[in-house]
Each structure stands twice: as C-alpha cells, then as structure tokens.
N, C-alpha and C. Protein backbone atom coordinates (compact mmCIF):
# COMPACT_ATOMS: atom_id res chain seq x y z
N MET A 1 -1.19 1.00 -5.38
CA MET A 1 0.00 1.14 -4.59
C MET A 1 0.43 -0.22 -4.08
N GLN A 2 1.68 -0.27 -3.75
CA GLN A 2 2.27 -1.53 -3.29
C GLN A 2 3.42 -1.18 -2.36
N SER A 3 3.73 -2.06 -1.46
CA SER A 3 4.88 -1.87 -0.58
C SER A 3 6.17 -2.11 -1.36
N SER A 4 7.13 -1.24 -1.15
CA SER A 4 8.43 -1.44 -1.80
C SER A 4 9.15 -2.67 -1.25
N ALA A 5 8.67 -3.20 -0.12
CA ALA A 5 9.24 -4.42 0.45
C ALA A 5 8.61 -5.69 -0.13
N ALA A 6 7.66 -5.52 -1.05
CA ALA A 6 7.04 -6.65 -1.77
C ALA A 6 6.61 -6.13 -3.15
N PRO A 7 7.57 -5.83 -4.02
CA PRO A 7 7.28 -5.11 -5.26
C PRO A 7 6.90 -5.95 -6.49
N ALA A 8 6.56 -7.21 -6.32
CA ALA A 8 6.29 -8.07 -7.49
C ALA A 8 5.18 -7.52 -8.37
N ALA A 9 4.08 -7.07 -7.78
CA ALA A 9 2.97 -6.55 -8.59
C ALA A 9 3.39 -5.29 -9.33
N TYR A 10 4.10 -4.40 -8.66
CA TYR A 10 4.58 -3.17 -9.28
C TYR A 10 5.54 -3.47 -10.44
N ARG A 11 6.51 -4.32 -10.18
CA ARG A 11 7.48 -4.66 -11.22
C ARG A 11 6.83 -5.37 -12.40
N SER A 12 5.85 -6.22 -12.11
CA SER A 12 5.12 -6.91 -13.17
C SER A 12 4.33 -5.92 -14.01
N TRP A 13 3.71 -4.96 -13.36
CA TRP A 13 2.95 -3.93 -14.07
C TRP A 13 3.88 -3.14 -14.99
N GLN A 14 5.04 -2.77 -14.49
CA GLN A 14 6.01 -2.03 -15.30
C GLN A 14 6.50 -2.84 -16.49
N ALA A 15 6.82 -4.10 -16.26
CA ALA A 15 7.42 -4.96 -17.29
C ALA A 15 6.38 -5.56 -18.24
N ARG A 16 5.11 -5.50 -17.85
CA ARG A 16 4.03 -6.12 -18.63
C ARG A 16 4.25 -7.62 -18.79
N GLN A 17 4.79 -8.20 -17.73
CA GLN A 17 4.93 -9.65 -17.64
C GLN A 17 4.95 -10.03 -16.17
N LEU A 18 4.59 -11.26 -15.87
CA LEU A 18 4.51 -11.71 -14.48
C LEU A 18 5.91 -11.96 -13.94
N LEU A 19 6.21 -11.32 -12.83
CA LEU A 19 7.53 -11.44 -12.21
C LEU A 19 7.39 -11.87 -10.75
N GLU A 20 8.43 -12.42 -10.24
CA GLU A 20 8.52 -12.79 -8.83
C GLU A 20 9.54 -11.88 -8.16
N ASP A 21 9.33 -11.60 -6.88
CA ASP A 21 10.27 -10.73 -6.16
C ASP A 21 10.20 -11.07 -4.67
N ARG A 22 10.98 -10.38 -3.90
CA ARG A 22 11.00 -10.60 -2.45
C ARG A 22 9.66 -10.18 -1.84
N MET A 23 9.40 -10.68 -0.64
CA MET A 23 8.18 -10.34 0.07
C MET A 23 8.54 -10.14 1.53
N GLU A 24 8.85 -8.92 1.91
CA GLU A 24 9.33 -8.62 3.25
C GLU A 24 8.49 -7.55 3.94
N THR A 25 7.26 -7.37 3.50
CA THR A 25 6.43 -6.32 4.05
C THR A 25 5.63 -6.80 5.26
N ARG A 26 5.34 -5.87 6.16
CA ARG A 26 4.45 -6.19 7.27
C ARG A 26 2.99 -5.99 6.87
N ALA A 27 2.77 -5.42 5.69
CA ALA A 27 1.42 -5.18 5.18
C ALA A 27 0.91 -6.47 4.52
N GLU A 28 0.28 -7.30 5.30
CA GLU A 28 -0.11 -8.63 4.83
C GLU A 28 -0.99 -8.58 3.59
N GLY A 29 -1.85 -7.59 3.49
CA GLY A 29 -2.73 -7.47 2.33
C GLY A 29 -2.01 -7.07 1.06
N LEU A 30 -0.75 -6.66 1.17
CA LEU A 30 0.06 -6.29 0.02
C LEU A 30 1.21 -7.27 -0.19
N ALA A 31 1.24 -8.32 0.57
CA ALA A 31 2.36 -9.27 0.55
C ALA A 31 2.23 -10.22 -0.64
N THR A 32 2.79 -9.81 -1.75
CA THR A 32 2.72 -10.58 -2.98
C THR A 32 4.13 -10.93 -3.43
N ARG A 33 4.44 -12.21 -3.47
CA ARG A 33 5.75 -12.66 -3.95
C ARG A 33 5.73 -12.82 -5.47
N VAL A 34 4.58 -13.23 -5.99
CA VAL A 34 4.41 -13.44 -7.43
C VAL A 34 3.13 -12.73 -7.86
N ALA A 35 3.20 -11.95 -8.91
CA ALA A 35 2.01 -11.28 -9.44
C ALA A 35 1.08 -12.31 -10.06
N PHE A 36 -0.22 -12.07 -9.95
CA PHE A 36 -1.22 -12.97 -10.52
C PHE A 36 -1.69 -12.44 -11.86
N GLU A 37 -1.96 -13.36 -12.77
CA GLU A 37 -2.24 -12.98 -14.16
C GLU A 37 -3.49 -12.12 -14.31
N LEU A 38 -4.62 -12.52 -13.77
CA LEU A 38 -5.85 -11.76 -14.00
C LEU A 38 -5.76 -10.33 -13.46
N PRO A 39 -5.35 -10.13 -12.20
CA PRO A 39 -5.22 -8.75 -11.74
C PRO A 39 -4.23 -7.94 -12.58
N GLN A 40 -3.14 -8.56 -12.98
CA GLN A 40 -2.16 -7.83 -13.78
C GLN A 40 -2.74 -7.44 -15.14
N ARG A 41 -3.48 -8.32 -15.76
CA ARG A 41 -4.08 -7.97 -17.07
C ARG A 41 -5.01 -6.77 -16.92
N ILE A 42 -5.77 -6.73 -15.83
CA ILE A 42 -6.66 -5.59 -15.57
C ILE A 42 -5.83 -4.33 -15.34
N LEU A 43 -4.77 -4.45 -14.55
CA LEU A 43 -3.90 -3.29 -14.29
C LEU A 43 -3.22 -2.81 -15.56
N TRP A 44 -2.72 -3.72 -16.37
CA TRP A 44 -2.05 -3.34 -17.61
C TRP A 44 -2.99 -2.54 -18.51
N GLU A 45 -4.25 -2.91 -18.50
CA GLU A 45 -5.21 -2.25 -19.39
C GLU A 45 -5.74 -0.94 -18.81
N HIS A 46 -5.91 -0.85 -17.50
CA HIS A 46 -6.64 0.28 -16.93
C HIS A 46 -5.85 1.20 -16.00
N LEU A 47 -4.72 0.78 -15.51
CA LEU A 47 -4.00 1.57 -14.51
C LEU A 47 -3.03 2.54 -15.16
N ASP A 48 -3.12 3.82 -14.77
CA ASP A 48 -2.24 4.86 -15.32
C ASP A 48 -0.95 5.02 -14.53
N ASP A 49 -1.01 4.76 -13.24
CA ASP A 49 0.16 4.97 -12.40
C ASP A 49 0.13 3.95 -11.26
N PHE A 50 1.30 3.61 -10.78
CA PHE A 50 1.45 2.62 -9.72
C PHE A 50 2.46 3.20 -8.75
N VAL A 51 2.11 3.29 -7.49
CA VAL A 51 2.96 3.94 -6.50
C VAL A 51 3.50 2.91 -5.51
N LEU A 52 4.80 2.96 -5.29
CA LEU A 52 5.42 2.16 -4.24
C LEU A 52 5.58 3.03 -3.00
N VAL A 53 5.22 2.48 -1.86
CA VAL A 53 5.44 3.16 -0.58
C VAL A 53 6.30 2.27 0.29
N ASP A 54 7.11 2.88 1.13
CA ASP A 54 7.99 2.06 1.96
C ASP A 54 7.32 1.71 3.29
N GLU A 55 7.95 0.87 4.03
CA GLU A 55 7.39 0.38 5.28
C GLU A 55 7.19 1.50 6.30
N ASP A 56 8.11 2.46 6.34
CA ASP A 56 7.95 3.59 7.25
C ASP A 56 6.73 4.42 6.89
N GLU A 57 6.50 4.63 5.59
CA GLU A 57 5.32 5.39 5.14
C GLU A 57 4.04 4.65 5.52
N LEU A 58 4.03 3.34 5.40
CA LEU A 58 2.86 2.57 5.81
C LEU A 58 2.61 2.71 7.31
N GLY A 59 3.67 2.64 8.09
CA GLY A 59 3.53 2.79 9.54
C GLY A 59 3.02 4.16 9.92
N ARG A 60 3.55 5.21 9.30
CA ARG A 60 3.07 6.57 9.58
C ARG A 60 1.61 6.73 9.20
N ALA A 61 1.20 6.12 8.09
CA ALA A 61 -0.19 6.21 7.66
C ALA A 61 -1.12 5.52 8.66
N VAL A 62 -0.71 4.39 9.20
CA VAL A 62 -1.51 3.71 10.22
C VAL A 62 -1.69 4.63 11.42
N LEU A 63 -0.60 5.22 11.89
CA LEU A 63 -0.68 6.11 13.05
C LEU A 63 -1.53 7.34 12.77
N LEU A 64 -1.41 7.91 11.58
CA LEU A 64 -2.24 9.07 11.22
C LEU A 64 -3.72 8.69 11.22
N MET A 65 -4.04 7.52 10.72
CA MET A 65 -5.44 7.06 10.72
C MET A 65 -5.95 6.92 12.15
N ILE A 66 -5.16 6.30 13.00
CA ILE A 66 -5.59 6.11 14.39
C ILE A 66 -5.77 7.46 15.06
N GLU A 67 -4.79 8.35 14.91
CA GLU A 67 -4.85 9.66 15.56
C GLU A 67 -5.94 10.55 14.97
N GLY A 68 -6.07 10.53 13.65
CA GLY A 68 -6.98 11.47 12.99
C GLY A 68 -8.42 11.04 12.94
N THR A 69 -8.67 9.73 12.88
CA THR A 69 -10.05 9.27 12.73
C THR A 69 -10.51 8.38 13.87
N ARG A 70 -9.58 7.97 14.72
CA ARG A 70 -9.86 7.03 15.80
C ARG A 70 -10.34 5.68 15.28
N ASN A 71 -9.93 5.37 14.04
CA ASN A 71 -10.24 4.07 13.44
C ASN A 71 -8.96 3.25 13.37
N LEU A 72 -9.09 1.99 13.71
CA LEU A 72 -7.95 1.07 13.63
C LEU A 72 -7.84 0.53 12.22
N VAL A 73 -6.66 0.63 11.65
CA VAL A 73 -6.44 0.16 10.29
C VAL A 73 -5.11 -0.57 10.25
N GLU A 74 -5.06 -1.61 9.44
CA GLU A 74 -3.81 -2.35 9.26
C GLU A 74 -2.94 -1.64 8.23
N PRO A 75 -1.64 -1.98 8.13
CA PRO A 75 -0.77 -1.31 7.17
C PRO A 75 -1.28 -1.37 5.73
N ALA A 76 -1.78 -2.50 5.28
CA ALA A 76 -2.30 -2.58 3.91
C ALA A 76 -3.51 -1.67 3.73
N GLY A 77 -4.34 -1.57 4.75
CA GLY A 77 -5.51 -0.72 4.67
C GLY A 77 -5.17 0.76 4.66
N ALA A 78 -4.04 1.12 5.24
CA ALA A 78 -3.59 2.51 5.27
C ALA A 78 -2.73 2.87 4.05
N ALA A 79 -2.47 1.90 3.19
CA ALA A 79 -1.62 2.13 2.02
C ALA A 79 -2.12 3.26 1.12
N PRO A 80 -3.44 3.40 0.88
CA PRO A 80 -3.88 4.55 0.06
C PRO A 80 -3.50 5.89 0.68
N LEU A 81 -3.58 6.01 2.00
CA LEU A 81 -3.17 7.24 2.66
C LEU A 81 -1.67 7.45 2.50
N ALA A 82 -0.89 6.39 2.66
CA ALA A 82 0.57 6.49 2.48
C ALA A 82 0.90 6.97 1.07
N ALA A 83 0.20 6.43 0.07
CA ALA A 83 0.44 6.83 -1.32
C ALA A 83 0.03 8.28 -1.54
N ALA A 84 -1.10 8.68 -0.99
CA ALA A 84 -1.55 10.07 -1.15
C ALA A 84 -0.56 11.04 -0.50
N LEU A 85 -0.02 10.67 0.64
CA LEU A 85 0.98 11.53 1.29
C LEU A 85 2.24 11.62 0.45
N ARG A 86 2.62 10.52 -0.18
CA ARG A 86 3.80 10.53 -1.06
C ARG A 86 3.55 11.44 -2.26
N LEU A 87 2.32 11.45 -2.75
CA LEU A 87 1.97 12.24 -3.94
C LEU A 87 1.36 13.60 -3.58
N ARG A 88 1.55 14.03 -2.37
CA ARG A 88 0.92 15.25 -1.84
C ARG A 88 1.03 16.43 -2.79
N ASP A 89 2.21 16.72 -3.31
CA ASP A 89 2.37 17.87 -4.19
C ASP A 89 1.58 17.71 -5.48
N ARG A 90 1.59 16.53 -6.02
CA ARG A 90 0.87 16.26 -7.26
C ARG A 90 -0.65 16.32 -7.08
N LEU A 91 -1.11 16.02 -5.87
CA LEU A 91 -2.54 16.01 -5.58
C LEU A 91 -3.06 17.34 -5.03
N ALA A 92 -2.16 18.26 -4.73
CA ALA A 92 -2.56 19.54 -4.13
C ALA A 92 -3.62 20.23 -4.98
N GLY A 93 -4.67 20.69 -4.33
CA GLY A 93 -5.74 21.41 -5.00
C GLY A 93 -6.77 20.52 -5.68
N LYS A 94 -6.59 19.22 -5.63
CA LYS A 94 -7.51 18.28 -6.26
C LYS A 94 -8.38 17.61 -5.20
N LYS A 95 -9.54 17.18 -5.62
CA LYS A 95 -10.38 16.37 -4.74
C LYS A 95 -9.85 14.94 -4.79
N VAL A 96 -9.62 14.38 -3.63
CA VAL A 96 -9.04 13.04 -3.54
C VAL A 96 -9.91 12.20 -2.61
N ALA A 97 -10.27 11.03 -3.05
CA ALA A 97 -11.01 10.08 -2.22
C ALA A 97 -10.12 8.86 -2.00
N LEU A 98 -10.05 8.41 -0.78
CA LEU A 98 -9.25 7.23 -0.44
C LEU A 98 -10.15 6.17 0.17
N ILE A 99 -9.95 4.95 -0.22
CA ILE A 99 -10.65 3.84 0.41
C ILE A 99 -9.68 3.23 1.41
N LEU A 100 -10.00 3.39 2.67
CA LEU A 100 -9.17 2.87 3.74
C LEU A 100 -9.93 1.73 4.40
N SER A 101 -9.36 0.55 4.35
CA SER A 101 -10.06 -0.61 4.88
C SER A 101 -9.09 -1.54 5.56
N GLY A 102 -9.63 -2.45 6.31
CA GLY A 102 -8.81 -3.48 6.92
C GLY A 102 -8.34 -3.12 8.31
N GLY A 103 -8.94 -3.73 9.31
CA GLY A 103 -8.53 -3.54 10.69
C GLY A 103 -7.85 -4.77 11.23
N ASN A 104 -7.29 -5.58 10.35
CA ASN A 104 -6.69 -6.85 10.72
C ASN A 104 -5.24 -6.64 11.13
N ILE A 105 -5.04 -5.90 12.20
CA ILE A 105 -3.69 -5.64 12.70
C ILE A 105 -3.53 -6.38 14.02
N SER A 106 -2.42 -7.05 14.17
CA SER A 106 -2.21 -7.82 15.40
C SER A 106 -1.79 -6.88 16.53
N PRO A 107 -2.03 -7.30 17.76
CA PRO A 107 -1.56 -6.49 18.89
C PRO A 107 -0.05 -6.23 18.83
N ASP A 108 0.72 -7.24 18.40
CA ASP A 108 2.17 -7.05 18.30
C ASP A 108 2.53 -6.00 17.26
N GLN A 109 1.85 -6.04 16.10
CA GLN A 109 2.10 -5.02 15.07
C GLN A 109 1.76 -3.63 15.59
N LEU A 110 0.64 -3.53 16.26
CA LEU A 110 0.21 -2.24 16.78
C LEU A 110 1.19 -1.71 17.82
N ARG A 111 1.64 -2.58 18.73
CA ARG A 111 2.62 -2.16 19.74
C ARG A 111 3.91 -1.68 19.07
N GLU A 112 4.34 -2.40 18.04
CA GLU A 112 5.57 -2.02 17.32
C GLU A 112 5.43 -0.63 16.69
N LEU A 113 4.28 -0.38 16.08
CA LEU A 113 4.06 0.93 15.44
C LEU A 113 3.96 2.05 16.46
N LEU A 114 3.39 1.77 17.61
CA LEU A 114 3.21 2.79 18.64
C LEU A 114 4.48 3.06 19.44
N ALA A 115 5.45 2.14 19.36
CA ALA A 115 6.69 2.27 20.14
C ALA A 115 7.55 3.42 19.62
C-alpha cells in the first residue's frame, strides 16, 4: 500500500518503470518522491496487488489503532489497516494478518489527528 498523496511507488509498479511523482503525505514512512530500483524489481516480480489509500484513511486508521488497541502508531504504520478497511468487502470471510508498526508520530501530528 501507498499513500495517494505520494504515489511514485504505486505508479512505478503499474508502469514497470521507475517514475517520479509528488510527495505530499503526512505518512513519513511512505513519503517516496522517486521509486527505488531494487524494491520495485521485487514488487514487479512478487506483488499481485498494490493499494493506494488517501490521507483521511490513514488518519482514521491511526485513530482506530489508538482506540482499539491502545497502541500509538504513526500514519505509515497504520497504512496496512487503512488498506484492509478499503478492501473490507474483498477480505470478508478471510483470515487477514496485518503488520502494524511505527510509533514515530510527532505530538503535532497526533494533536491534528485528534482534533
């Protein structure tokens, strides 16, 4: 998954070539302006699907993590949850495991999300 506000990796995966794009996401761990060759080669060979989530979905996923698990997670760390929520209908009835990581959220980011 990738933020739609920094879609270079997603667009590169689709095009099967390295592309540059805008980088306007608050999810620092997903903030890619230019796709990197080695990760893209791995994705081109092994990845079946690539999901873009928007900034609001990332923010909601952070809040759901805090409320539901009492764990602090940054927007990039909550991206798997945001993607799973986007794909909810497609995932219904299936066992789904998400790796949620990254508590590197600034106090300002947290205040903004909680406002």
